[in-house]
């Protein structure tokens, strides 16, 4: 995922991504937290100009990405959208074990 102007963007599955439970869960978490999460075709320049970036994983939840190829992403620190989505994920995961 990248974040641009407060919107979390992820490439569509047709781009070659594996369908993931955690990735799909973040669409739900976005609705709950008021953060727009949507699919969009993304290119390298989108990543390098992103305000934030993170990846999702069942075992790692959401992992902030702060550098790619020695380039700083956003401020170089986990951003507010990433933090909000991760907090929402954890809150829901701990209270609703049927979420997975």
N, C-alpha and C. Protein backbone atom coordinates (compact mmCIF):
# COMPACT_ATOMS: atom_id res chain seq x y z
N UNK A 1 0.84 -1.17 0.00
CA UNK A 1 0.00 0.00 0.00
C UNK A 1 0.88 1.23 0.00
N UNK A 2 0.41 2.28 -0.70
CA UNK A 2 0.99 3.60 -0.52
C UNK A 2 -0.12 4.51 -0.02
N UNK A 3 0.27 5.60 0.57
CA UNK A 3 -0.70 6.60 1.02
C UNK A 3 -0.37 7.89 0.30
N UNK A 4 -1.38 8.46 -0.33
CA UNK A 4 -1.23 9.74 -1.02
C UNK A 4 -2.43 10.60 -0.65
N UNK A 5 -2.16 11.77 -0.11
CA UNK A 5 -3.22 12.71 0.28
C UNK A 5 -4.27 12.05 1.17
N UNK A 6 -3.83 11.21 2.11
CA UNK A 6 -4.73 10.60 3.08
C UNK A 6 -5.48 9.36 2.60
N UNK A 7 -5.24 8.94 1.36
CA UNK A 7 -5.90 7.77 0.79
C UNK A 7 -4.90 6.62 0.70
N UNK A 8 -5.28 5.45 1.20
CA UNK A 8 -4.43 4.25 1.11
C UNK A 8 -4.75 3.55 -0.20
N UNK A 9 -3.73 3.35 -1.01
CA UNK A 9 -3.89 2.77 -2.35
C UNK A 9 -3.09 1.48 -2.46
N UNK A 10 -3.70 0.49 -3.09
CA UNK A 10 -3.03 -0.78 -3.33
C UNK A 10 -3.33 -1.20 -4.76
N UNK A 11 -2.38 -1.83 -5.42
CA UNK A 11 -2.66 -2.28 -6.79
C UNK A 11 -3.78 -3.32 -6.82
N UNK A 12 -4.52 -3.39 -7.92
CA UNK A 12 -5.55 -4.42 -8.05
C UNK A 12 -4.90 -5.80 -8.17
N UNK A 13 -5.64 -6.82 -7.82
CA UNK A 13 -5.13 -8.19 -7.90
C UNK A 13 -4.69 -8.53 -9.32
N UNK A 14 -5.34 -7.95 -10.33
CA UNK A 14 -4.97 -8.21 -11.72
C UNK A 14 -3.55 -7.76 -12.04
N UNK A 15 -2.95 -6.96 -11.15
CA UNK A 15 -1.57 -6.51 -11.34
C UNK A 15 -0.56 -7.59 -10.95
N UNK A 16 -1.06 -8.71 -10.43
CA UNK A 16 -0.16 -9.79 -10.07
C UNK A 16 -0.03 -10.02 -8.57
N UNK A 17 -0.81 -9.29 -7.78
CA UNK A 17 -0.77 -9.51 -6.33
C UNK A 17 -1.46 -10.81 -5.97
N UNK A 18 -1.01 -11.40 -4.89
CA UNK A 18 -1.71 -12.55 -4.35
C UNK A 18 -2.88 -12.06 -3.51
N UNK A 19 -4.02 -12.68 -3.64
CA UNK A 19 -5.14 -12.26 -2.79
C UNK A 19 -4.83 -12.62 -1.35
N UNK A 20 -4.94 -11.66 -0.47
CA UNK A 20 -4.60 -11.91 0.92
C UNK A 20 -5.73 -11.53 1.85
N UNK A 21 -5.90 -12.32 2.89
CA UNK A 21 -6.93 -12.05 3.88
C UNK A 21 -6.65 -10.72 4.58
N UNK A 22 -5.41 -10.49 4.95
CA UNK A 22 -5.06 -9.27 5.67
C UNK A 22 -5.26 -8.05 4.77
N UNK A 23 -4.87 -8.15 3.51
CA UNK A 23 -5.07 -7.05 2.56
C UNK A 23 -6.55 -6.70 2.48
N UNK A 24 -7.40 -7.70 2.34
CA UNK A 24 -8.84 -7.45 2.26
C UNK A 24 -9.38 -6.86 3.57
N UNK A 25 -8.84 -7.32 4.67
CA UNK A 25 -9.26 -6.83 5.97
C UNK A 25 -9.00 -5.33 6.10
N UNK A 26 -7.93 -4.85 5.47
CA UNK A 26 -7.60 -3.43 5.56
C UNK A 26 -8.64 -2.56 4.83
N UNK A 27 -9.33 -3.10 3.85
CA UNK A 27 -10.43 -2.35 3.23
C UNK A 27 -11.54 -2.13 4.26
N UNK A 28 -11.83 -3.16 5.05
CA UNK A 28 -12.84 -3.05 6.10
C UNK A 28 -12.39 -2.08 7.19
N UNK A 29 -11.14 -2.19 7.59
CA UNK A 29 -10.60 -1.31 8.64
C UNK A 29 -10.65 0.14 8.17
N UNK A 30 -10.38 0.37 6.90
CA UNK A 30 -10.47 1.73 6.35
C UNK A 30 -11.85 2.31 6.53
N UNK A 31 -12.88 1.52 6.25
CA UNK A 31 -14.26 2.00 6.42
C UNK A 31 -14.53 2.33 7.88
N UNK A 32 -14.05 1.48 8.78
CA UNK A 32 -14.29 1.69 10.21
C UNK A 32 -13.57 2.91 10.75
N UNK A 33 -12.40 3.21 10.19
CA UNK A 33 -11.59 4.32 10.70
C UNK A 33 -11.78 5.60 9.90
N UNK A 34 -12.58 5.54 8.84
CA UNK A 34 -12.81 6.73 8.02
C UNK A 34 -11.70 7.04 7.04
N UNK A 35 -10.86 6.04 6.77
CA UNK A 35 -9.78 6.23 5.80
C UNK A 35 -10.17 5.53 4.51
N UNK A 36 -10.09 6.27 3.42
CA UNK A 36 -10.41 5.71 2.11
C UNK A 36 -9.30 4.74 1.70
N UNK A 37 -9.67 3.49 1.49
CA UNK A 37 -8.74 2.45 1.03
C UNK A 37 -9.28 1.94 -0.29
N UNK A 38 -8.46 2.03 -1.34
CA UNK A 38 -8.95 1.60 -2.65
C UNK A 38 -7.83 1.04 -3.52
N UNK A 39 -8.26 0.33 -4.54
CA UNK A 39 -7.33 -0.21 -5.53
C UNK A 39 -7.06 0.84 -6.60
N UNK A 40 -5.83 0.85 -7.06
CA UNK A 40 -5.44 1.74 -8.15
C UNK A 40 -4.14 1.20 -8.76
N UNK A 41 -4.04 1.28 -10.06
CA UNK A 41 -2.79 0.89 -10.71
C UNK A 41 -1.70 1.84 -10.23
N UNK A 42 -0.60 1.28 -9.76
CA UNK A 42 0.50 2.09 -9.23
C UNK A 42 1.78 1.80 -10.00
N UNK A 43 2.59 2.80 -10.12
CA UNK A 43 3.89 2.70 -10.80
C UNK A 43 4.99 3.11 -9.81
N UNK A 44 6.24 2.85 -10.19
CA UNK A 44 7.37 3.22 -9.33
C UNK A 44 7.33 4.68 -8.89
N UNK A 45 7.06 5.63 -9.78
CA UNK A 45 7.01 7.03 -9.32
C UNK A 45 5.97 7.28 -8.23
N UNK A 46 4.88 6.50 -8.25
CA UNK A 46 3.87 6.64 -7.20
C UNK A 46 4.46 6.27 -5.84
N UNK A 47 5.24 5.22 -5.80
CA UNK A 47 5.87 4.80 -4.55
C UNK A 47 6.84 5.86 -4.06
N UNK A 48 7.67 6.36 -4.96
CA UNK A 48 8.70 7.31 -4.53
C UNK A 48 8.14 8.68 -4.17
N UNK A 49 6.92 8.98 -4.61
CA UNK A 49 6.30 10.25 -4.24
C UNK A 49 5.22 10.09 -3.18
N UNK A 50 5.09 8.90 -2.63
CA UNK A 50 4.06 8.62 -1.62
C UNK A 50 4.33 9.37 -0.32
N UNK A 51 3.25 9.66 0.39
CA UNK A 51 3.37 10.27 1.71
C UNK A 51 3.75 9.22 2.75
N UNK A 52 3.27 7.99 2.52
CA UNK A 52 3.55 6.86 3.40
C UNK A 52 3.49 5.59 2.55
N UNK A 53 4.01 4.51 3.10
CA UNK A 53 3.88 3.20 2.45
C UNK A 53 3.93 2.13 3.54
N UNK A 54 3.22 1.04 3.28
CA UNK A 54 3.27 -0.10 4.20
C UNK A 54 2.88 -1.36 3.44
N UNK A 55 3.27 -2.49 4.00
CA UNK A 55 2.83 -3.76 3.44
C UNK A 55 2.04 -4.50 4.50
N UNK A 56 1.18 -5.38 4.04
CA UNK A 56 0.37 -6.15 4.98
C UNK A 56 0.79 -7.61 4.94
N UNK A 57 0.63 -8.24 6.09
CA UNK A 57 1.03 -9.63 6.24
C UNK A 57 0.23 -10.22 7.40
N UNK A 58 -0.19 -11.45 7.26
CA UNK A 58 -0.92 -12.10 8.33
C UNK A 58 -0.10 -12.15 9.61
N UNK A 59 1.17 -12.43 9.49
CA UNK A 59 2.00 -12.56 10.69
C UNK A 59 2.58 -11.23 11.17
N UNK A 60 2.72 -10.25 10.27
CA UNK A 60 3.33 -8.97 10.65
C UNK A 60 2.34 -7.81 10.69
N UNK A 61 1.07 -8.08 10.36
CA UNK A 61 0.00 -7.08 10.37
C UNK A 61 0.26 -6.02 9.30
N UNK A 62 0.72 -4.84 9.69
CA UNK A 62 1.09 -3.80 8.73
C UNK A 62 2.50 -3.35 9.06
N UNK A 63 3.36 -3.38 8.08
CA UNK A 63 4.76 -3.02 8.28
C UNK A 63 5.03 -1.71 7.54
N UNK A 64 5.33 -0.64 8.26
CA UNK A 64 5.65 0.62 7.59
C UNK A 64 6.90 0.48 6.73
N UNK A 65 6.87 1.10 5.58
CA UNK A 65 8.03 1.15 4.69
C UNK A 65 8.52 2.59 4.69
N UNK A 66 9.75 2.81 5.11
CA UNK A 66 10.25 4.18 5.19
C UNK A 66 11.36 4.49 4.19
N UNK A 67 11.96 3.45 3.63
CA UNK A 67 12.95 3.65 2.56
C UNK A 67 12.81 2.53 1.53
N UNK A 68 13.10 2.89 0.29
CA UNK A 68 13.15 1.92 -0.81
C UNK A 68 14.32 2.33 -1.69
N UNK A 69 15.25 1.40 -1.91
CA UNK A 69 16.42 1.69 -2.74
C UNK A 69 17.12 2.98 -2.31
N UNK A 70 17.33 3.12 -1.02
CA UNK A 70 17.99 4.30 -0.43
C UNK A 70 17.22 5.60 -0.63
N UNK A 71 15.96 5.51 -1.01
CA UNK A 71 15.12 6.71 -1.13
C UNK A 71 14.16 6.74 0.04
N UNK A 72 14.03 7.87 0.65
CA UNK A 72 13.12 8.03 1.77
C UNK A 72 11.69 8.16 1.27
N UNK A 73 10.79 7.44 1.91
CA UNK A 73 9.36 7.52 1.59
C UNK A 73 8.74 8.48 2.59
N UNK A 74 8.07 9.51 2.10
CA UNK A 74 7.44 10.50 2.97
C UNK A 74 8.44 11.12 3.90
N UNK A 75 8.11 11.14 5.19
CA UNK A 75 8.98 11.75 6.20
C UNK A 75 10.09 10.81 6.66
N UNK A 76 10.03 9.56 6.19
CA UNK A 76 11.01 8.57 6.65
C UNK A 76 10.60 7.92 7.96
N UNK A 77 9.37 8.17 8.38
CA UNK A 77 8.84 7.59 9.62
C UNK A 77 7.44 7.05 9.33
N UNK A 78 6.97 6.09 10.10
CA UNK A 78 5.58 5.63 9.91
C UNK A 78 4.63 6.81 10.02
N UNK A 79 3.70 6.90 9.09
CA UNK A 79 2.80 8.05 9.03
C UNK A 79 1.47 7.82 9.73
N UNK A 80 0.66 8.87 9.82
CA UNK A 80 -0.60 8.79 10.56
C UNK A 80 -1.63 7.84 9.97
N UNK A 81 -1.69 7.72 8.67
CA UNK A 81 -2.66 6.79 8.06
C UNK A 81 -2.26 5.36 8.37
N UNK A 82 -0.99 5.05 8.20
CA UNK A 82 -0.49 3.71 8.53
C UNK A 82 -0.77 3.38 9.99
N UNK A 83 -0.48 4.32 10.88
CA UNK A 83 -0.69 4.08 12.31
C UNK A 83 -2.17 3.88 12.63
N UNK A 84 -3.04 4.69 12.03
CA UNK A 84 -4.48 4.57 12.29
C UNK A 84 -5.02 3.23 11.80
N UNK A 85 -4.61 2.83 10.59
CA UNK A 85 -5.07 1.54 10.06
C UNK A 85 -4.54 0.38 10.91
N UNK A 86 -3.29 0.47 11.33
CA UNK A 86 -2.72 -0.60 12.16
C UNK A 86 -3.43 -0.67 13.51
N UNK A 87 -3.71 0.47 14.12
CA UNK A 87 -4.44 0.48 15.39
C UNK A 87 -5.83 -0.12 15.22
N UNK A 88 -6.51 0.25 14.12
CA UNK A 88 -7.83 -0.31 13.84
C UNK A 88 -7.77 -1.81 13.62
N UNK A 89 -6.75 -2.24 12.91
CA UNK A 89 -6.54 -3.67 12.66
C UNK A 89 -6.39 -4.41 13.98
N UNK A 90 -5.51 -3.92 14.83
CA UNK A 90 -5.24 -4.60 16.10
C UNK A 90 -6.47 -4.60 17.00
N UNK A 91 -7.16 -3.49 17.06
CA UNK A 91 -8.37 -3.41 17.89
C UNK A 91 -9.39 -4.45 17.43
N UNK A 92 -9.61 -4.51 16.14
CA UNK A 92 -10.61 -5.45 15.60
C UNK A 92 -10.13 -6.89 15.72
N UNK A 93 -8.87 -7.15 15.45
CA UNK A 93 -8.33 -8.50 15.53
C UNK A 93 -8.42 -9.05 16.96
N UNK A 94 -8.18 -8.20 17.94
CA UNK A 94 -8.19 -8.66 19.33
C UNK A 94 -9.60 -8.80 19.87
N UNK A 95 -10.57 -8.06 19.33
CA UNK A 95 -11.93 -8.13 19.85
C UNK A 95 -12.81 -9.07 19.04
N UNK A 96 -12.44 -9.33 17.79
CA UNK A 96 -13.28 -10.16 16.92
C UNK A 96 -12.42 -11.26 16.29
N UNK A 97 -12.22 -12.33 17.01
CA UNK A 97 -11.38 -13.42 16.52
C UNK A 97 -11.96 -14.10 15.29
N UNK A 98 -13.24 -13.87 14.99
CA UNK A 98 -13.82 -14.45 13.78
C UNK A 98 -13.50 -13.62 12.55
N UNK A 99 -12.78 -12.51 12.72
CA UNK A 99 -12.45 -11.63 11.60
C UNK A 99 -11.58 -12.36 10.57
N UNK A 100 -10.87 -13.38 11.02
CA UNK A 100 -10.00 -14.12 10.12
C UNK A 100 -10.58 -15.48 9.88
